Amino acid sequence: MSEYFSNIKIGATTIATGMGITLKHFFNAVKRKGDAGIDDADYFRQVDGLCTLQYPKEVIPTPPHGRYRLYVNIDDCIGCAQCERACPVECITIETIKTTSDDLAVCGKTSGGQQKRMWVPVFDIDTAKCMTCGICVSVCPTDCIYHTLVADFSEFNVKNMLYHFGNLSKFETEAKKKKLAEQQAQAAKEKAAAGAAPKPGAPVAKPAPKAAPASQQNEGQESA
């Protein structure tokens, strides 16, 4: 019986506490926090008041230390695919093409001065799968992938949550693949030709002496 009345008391206390907080905000709603504090560092320290925002014109500021939507600076990507291998939910897809020797200058260097040796036609991030763990950011050797302050990126179509960061179009990708295949075929042909040719300075095998005709051998035996 005592437990029954104790539960009633707890329920009444909870309701009274909740209503007290609601009434406090209700009476403070005659004041306005103000529009000027939206981008202010002290936004969350403002006095109590009307806190409804006119979204999307007004938004609560995003804390700079959070992990939000990923972005890839493809100009700094070297195609190592460490982020793809490290991703625990496999939301990153990368495809690379090795640059040919005459394309190194076109491929360029990273902002840190490192020569890029891979084209990256496909660098996709499925943000619908991403859990913003930050592992991909921590393993990137060139810091080309990082979290931005974009926290609100909802879409009506889930396919729009797939972000593409590749640096080649489909036409360019096919051209680079064809060019690489031709260079590799030419290199294989030259290697095969070099392997068949005798090395400089190597002793040349002398041909074996030919056997004398049978008629000459018979004449030699008769003269003996």
Protein backbone atom coordinates (compact mmCIF):
# COMPACT_ATOMS: atom_id res chain seq x y z
CA MET A 1 0.00 0.00 0.00
CA SER A 2 2.84 2.40 0.86
CA GLU A 3 4.46 1.74 -2.51
CA TYR A 4 1.19 2.63 -4.26
CA PHE A 5 1.01 6.08 -2.63
CA SER A 6 4.75 6.57 -3.13
CA ASN A 7 4.33 6.09 -6.90
CA ILE A 8 1.46 8.60 -6.91
CA LYS A 9 3.67 11.11 -5.10
CA ILE A 10 6.55 10.62 -7.56
CA GLY A 11 4.19 11.04 -10.52
CA ALA A 12 2.68 14.24 -9.12
CA THR A 13 6.12 15.66 -8.35
CA THR A 14 7.34 14.88 -11.87
CA ILE A 15 4.32 16.56 -13.44
CA ALA A 16 4.70 19.62 -11.24
CA THR A 17 8.40 19.92 -12.09
CA GLY A 18 7.74 19.65 -15.82
CA MET A 19 4.89 22.18 -15.68
CA GLY A 20 7.12 24.56 -13.70
CA ILE A 21 9.78 24.49 -16.44
CA THR A 22 7.11 24.94 -19.12
CA LEU A 23 5.56 27.94 -17.34
CA LYS A 24 8.98 29.48 -16.80
CA HIS A 25 9.68 29.41 -20.56
CA PHE A 26 6.11 30.54 -21.27
CA PHE A 27 6.46 33.74 -19.23
CA ASN A 28 10.00 34.37 -20.48
CA ALA A 29 8.75 34.17 -24.07
CA VAL A 30 7.84 37.85 -23.95
CA LYS A 31 11.58 38.43 -24.34
CA ARG A 32 13.62 37.55 -27.41
CA LYS A 33 17.13 36.20 -27.42
CA GLY A 34 17.85 38.32 -30.47
CA ASP A 35 19.07 37.69 -33.98
CA ALA A 36 22.52 39.17 -33.47
CA GLY A 37 23.68 36.33 -31.25
CA ILE A 38 23.33 33.55 -33.80
CA ASP A 39 26.99 33.66 -34.86
CA ASP A 40 28.25 34.81 -31.47
CA ALA A 41 30.41 32.52 -29.34
CA ASP A 42 28.18 33.41 -26.35
CA TYR A 43 25.00 32.38 -28.15
CA PHE A 44 24.23 29.60 -25.66
CA ARG A 45 24.84 31.92 -22.67
CA GLN A 46 22.12 34.38 -23.57
CA VAL A 47 19.27 35.05 -21.18
CA ASP A 48 16.17 32.88 -21.30
CA GLY A 49 13.61 33.99 -23.81
CA LEU A 50 11.85 33.10 -27.00
CA CYS A 51 14.17 30.57 -28.63
CA THR A 52 12.20 29.58 -31.72
CA LEU A 53 14.36 30.18 -34.78
CA GLN A 54 13.18 31.23 -38.21
CA TYR A 55 14.80 28.29 -39.98
CA PRO A 56 16.57 28.26 -42.41
CA LYS A 57 17.21 31.99 -42.14
CA GLU A 58 18.27 31.47 -38.54
CA VAL A 59 20.17 28.40 -37.38
CA ILE A 60 21.89 27.35 -34.21
CA PRO A 61 25.68 27.70 -34.74
CA THR A 62 27.61 24.51 -35.34
CA PRO A 63 30.37 23.86 -32.77
CA PRO A 64 33.72 23.93 -34.60
CA HIS A 65 35.10 20.84 -32.83
CA GLY A 66 32.37 18.45 -34.03
CA ARG A 67 32.50 15.83 -36.78
CA TYR A 68 29.98 16.49 -39.56
CA ARG A 69 29.80 15.98 -43.32
CA LEU A 70 33.00 14.80 -45.00
CA TYR A 71 34.71 16.65 -47.81
CA VAL A 72 37.60 15.61 -50.05
CA ASN A 73 40.12 18.02 -51.56
CA ILE A 74 40.80 15.80 -54.56
CA ASP A 75 43.77 17.96 -55.62
CA ASP A 76 45.65 16.66 -52.56
CA CYS A 77 44.57 13.01 -52.91
CA ILE A 78 47.36 10.58 -53.90
CA GLY A 79 45.04 7.59 -54.35
CA CYS A 80 46.52 5.52 -51.51
CA ALA A 81 43.01 4.28 -50.53
CA GLN A 82 43.92 4.11 -46.84
CA CYS A 83 40.65 5.82 -45.93
CA GLU A 84 38.67 3.23 -47.92
CA ARG A 85 40.39 0.34 -46.14
CA ALA A 86 40.01 1.94 -42.71
CA CYS A 87 36.29 2.79 -43.02
CA PRO A 88 34.36 0.43 -40.68
CA VAL A 89 31.06 0.83 -42.56
CA GLU A 90 32.54 0.74 -46.09
CA CYS A 91 30.95 4.02 -47.15
CA ILE A 92 34.02 5.09 -49.19
CA THR A 93 34.67 3.78 -52.71
CA ILE A 94 37.89 4.60 -54.55
CA GLU A 95 39.21 3.62 -57.99
CA THR A 96 42.64 4.66 -59.25
CA ILE A 97 44.58 4.64 -62.52
CA LYS A 98 48.37 4.75 -62.56
CA THR A 99 49.73 7.77 -64.39
CA THR A 100 51.94 7.31 -67.41
CA SER A 101 55.46 8.76 -67.39
CA ASP A 102 54.49 11.69 -69.62
CA ASP A 103 51.44 12.49 -67.49
CA LEU A 104 53.21 13.15 -64.19
CA ALA A 105 53.40 16.88 -64.78
CA VAL A 106 49.72 16.99 -65.73
CA CYS A 107 48.75 14.95 -62.67
CA GLY A 108 50.55 17.52 -60.54
CA LYS A 109 51.60 17.65 -56.91
CA THR A 110 49.81 17.98 -53.60
CA SER A 111 49.81 21.22 -51.63
CA GLY A 112 52.63 19.67 -49.58
CA GLY A 113 54.81 19.19 -52.68
CA GLN A 114 54.34 15.41 -53.04
CA GLN A 115 54.19 14.13 -56.63
CA LYS A 116 50.90 12.43 -57.41
CA ARG A 117 51.19 9.15 -59.32
CA MET A 118 47.56 8.09 -59.44
CA TRP A 119 44.49 9.43 -61.15
CA VAL A 120 41.41 9.08 -58.96
CA PRO A 121 38.40 8.84 -61.29
CA VAL A 122 36.17 7.51 -58.50
CA PHE A 123 36.15 8.84 -54.95
CA ASP A 124 32.61 8.39 -53.62
CA ILE A 125 31.36 8.84 -50.06
CA ASP A 126 27.92 7.51 -49.14
CA THR A 127 26.99 9.92 -46.35
CA ALA A 128 23.82 7.92 -45.69
CA LYS A 129 26.10 5.17 -44.32
CA CYS A 130 28.78 7.39 -42.77
CA MET A 131 28.78 7.38 -38.96
CA THR A 132 31.24 10.30 -38.71
CA CYS A 133 33.75 8.29 -36.71
CA GLY A 134 36.68 10.25 -38.16
CA ILE A 135 38.93 7.22 -38.78
CA CYS A 136 39.32 8.09 -42.46
CA VAL A 137 40.48 11.57 -41.51
CA SER A 138 43.09 10.28 -39.08
CA VAL A 139 44.72 7.83 -41.54
CA CYS A 140 44.93 10.19 -44.54
CA PRO A 141 48.63 10.99 -45.18
CA THR A 142 47.90 14.24 -47.04
CA ASP A 143 44.93 15.48 -44.96
CA CYS A 144 42.82 15.71 -48.10
CA ILE A 145 39.70 14.29 -46.40
CA TYR A 146 38.20 16.14 -43.47
CA HIS A 147 34.97 16.98 -41.66
CA THR A 148 33.25 20.26 -42.49
CA LEU A 149 30.85 22.35 -40.41
CA VAL A 150 27.90 21.32 -42.62
CA ALA A 151 25.64 19.48 -40.20
CA ASP A 152 22.29 19.79 -42.00
CA PHE A 153 22.27 18.05 -45.38
CA SER A 154 19.01 16.11 -45.49
CA GLU A 155 17.70 14.94 -48.86
CA PHE A 156 14.36 13.72 -50.21
CA ASN A 157 16.14 11.07 -52.29
CA VAL A 158 18.70 8.86 -50.55
CA LYS A 159 20.69 8.63 -53.82
CA ASN A 160 21.57 12.29 -53.38
CA MET A 161 23.47 11.34 -50.21
CA LEU A 162 26.18 9.82 -52.41
CA TYR A 163 28.87 12.47 -52.97
CA HIS A 164 31.35 12.25 -55.86
CA PHE A 165 34.85 13.73 -55.60
CA GLY A 166 36.70 12.04 -58.52
CA ASN A 167 39.04 14.10 -60.71
CA LEU A 168 38.26 12.50 -64.10
CA SER A 169 35.16 12.27 -66.25
CA LYS A 170 34.08 8.95 -67.81
CA PHE A 171 35.58 9.95 -71.15
CA GLU A 172 38.89 10.96 -69.53
CA THR A 173 38.94 7.75 -67.49
CA GLU A 174 38.67 5.57 -70.60
CA ALA A 175 41.37 7.61 -72.34
CA LYS A 176 43.77 7.28 -69.38
CA LYS A 177 43.15 3.52 -69.13
CA LYS A 178 43.81 3.07 -72.85
CA LYS A 179 46.97 5.16 -72.70
CA LEU A 180 48.30 3.19 -69.71
CA ALA A 181 47.54 -0.15 -71.40
CA GLU A 182 49.41 0.93 -74.54
CA GLN A 183 52.44 2.06 -72.53
CA GLN A 184 52.49 -1.19 -70.55
CA ALA A 185 52.24 -3.25 -73.76
CA GLN A 186 55.11 -1.29 -75.30
CA ALA A 187 57.23 -1.74 -72.16
CA ALA A 188 56.54 -5.51 -72.16
CA LYS A 189 57.53 -5.73 -75.84
CA GLU A 190 60.80 -3.87 -75.23
CA LYS A 191 61.56 -6.06 -72.22
CA ALA A 192 60.99 -9.21 -74.25
CA ALA A 193 63.23 -7.89 -77.05
CA ALA A 194 65.96 -6.98 -74.55
CA GLY A 195 65.79 -10.47 -73.03
CA ALA A 196 66.20 -12.16 -76.42
CA ALA A 197 69.22 -10.05 -77.49
CA PRO A 198 72.70 -11.17 -76.24
CA LYS A 199 74.14 -9.12 -73.44
CA PRO A 200 77.19 -6.94 -74.22
CA GLY A 201 80.46 -8.72 -73.30
CA ALA A 202 78.86 -12.15 -73.01
CA PRO A 203 80.90 -15.00 -74.67
CA VAL A 204 79.43 -16.10 -77.96
CA ALA A 205 79.07 -19.87 -78.27
CA LYS A 206 81.08 -21.29 -81.20
CA PRO A 207 79.22 -23.55 -83.59
CA ALA A 208 80.15 -27.24 -83.38
CA PRO A 209 82.44 -28.49 -86.20
CA LYS A 210 80.58 -30.20 -88.99
CA ALA A 211 81.25 -33.89 -89.55
CA ALA A 212 83.13 -34.79 -92.75
CA PRO A 213 81.15 -36.48 -95.51
CA ALA A 214 81.19 -40.28 -95.48
CA SER A 215 83.12 -40.44 -98.77
CA GLN A 216 86.02 -38.44 -97.31
CA GLN A 217 86.06 -40.63 -94.21
CA ASN A 218 86.30 -43.80 -96.40
CA GLU A 219 89.20 -42.30 -98.42
CA GLY A 220 91.08 -41.55 -95.23
CA GLN A 221 90.68 -45.09 -94.00
CA GLU A 222 91.94 -46.58 -97.31
CA SER A 223 95.05 -44.38 -97.38
CA ALA A 224 95.87 -45.50 -93.83
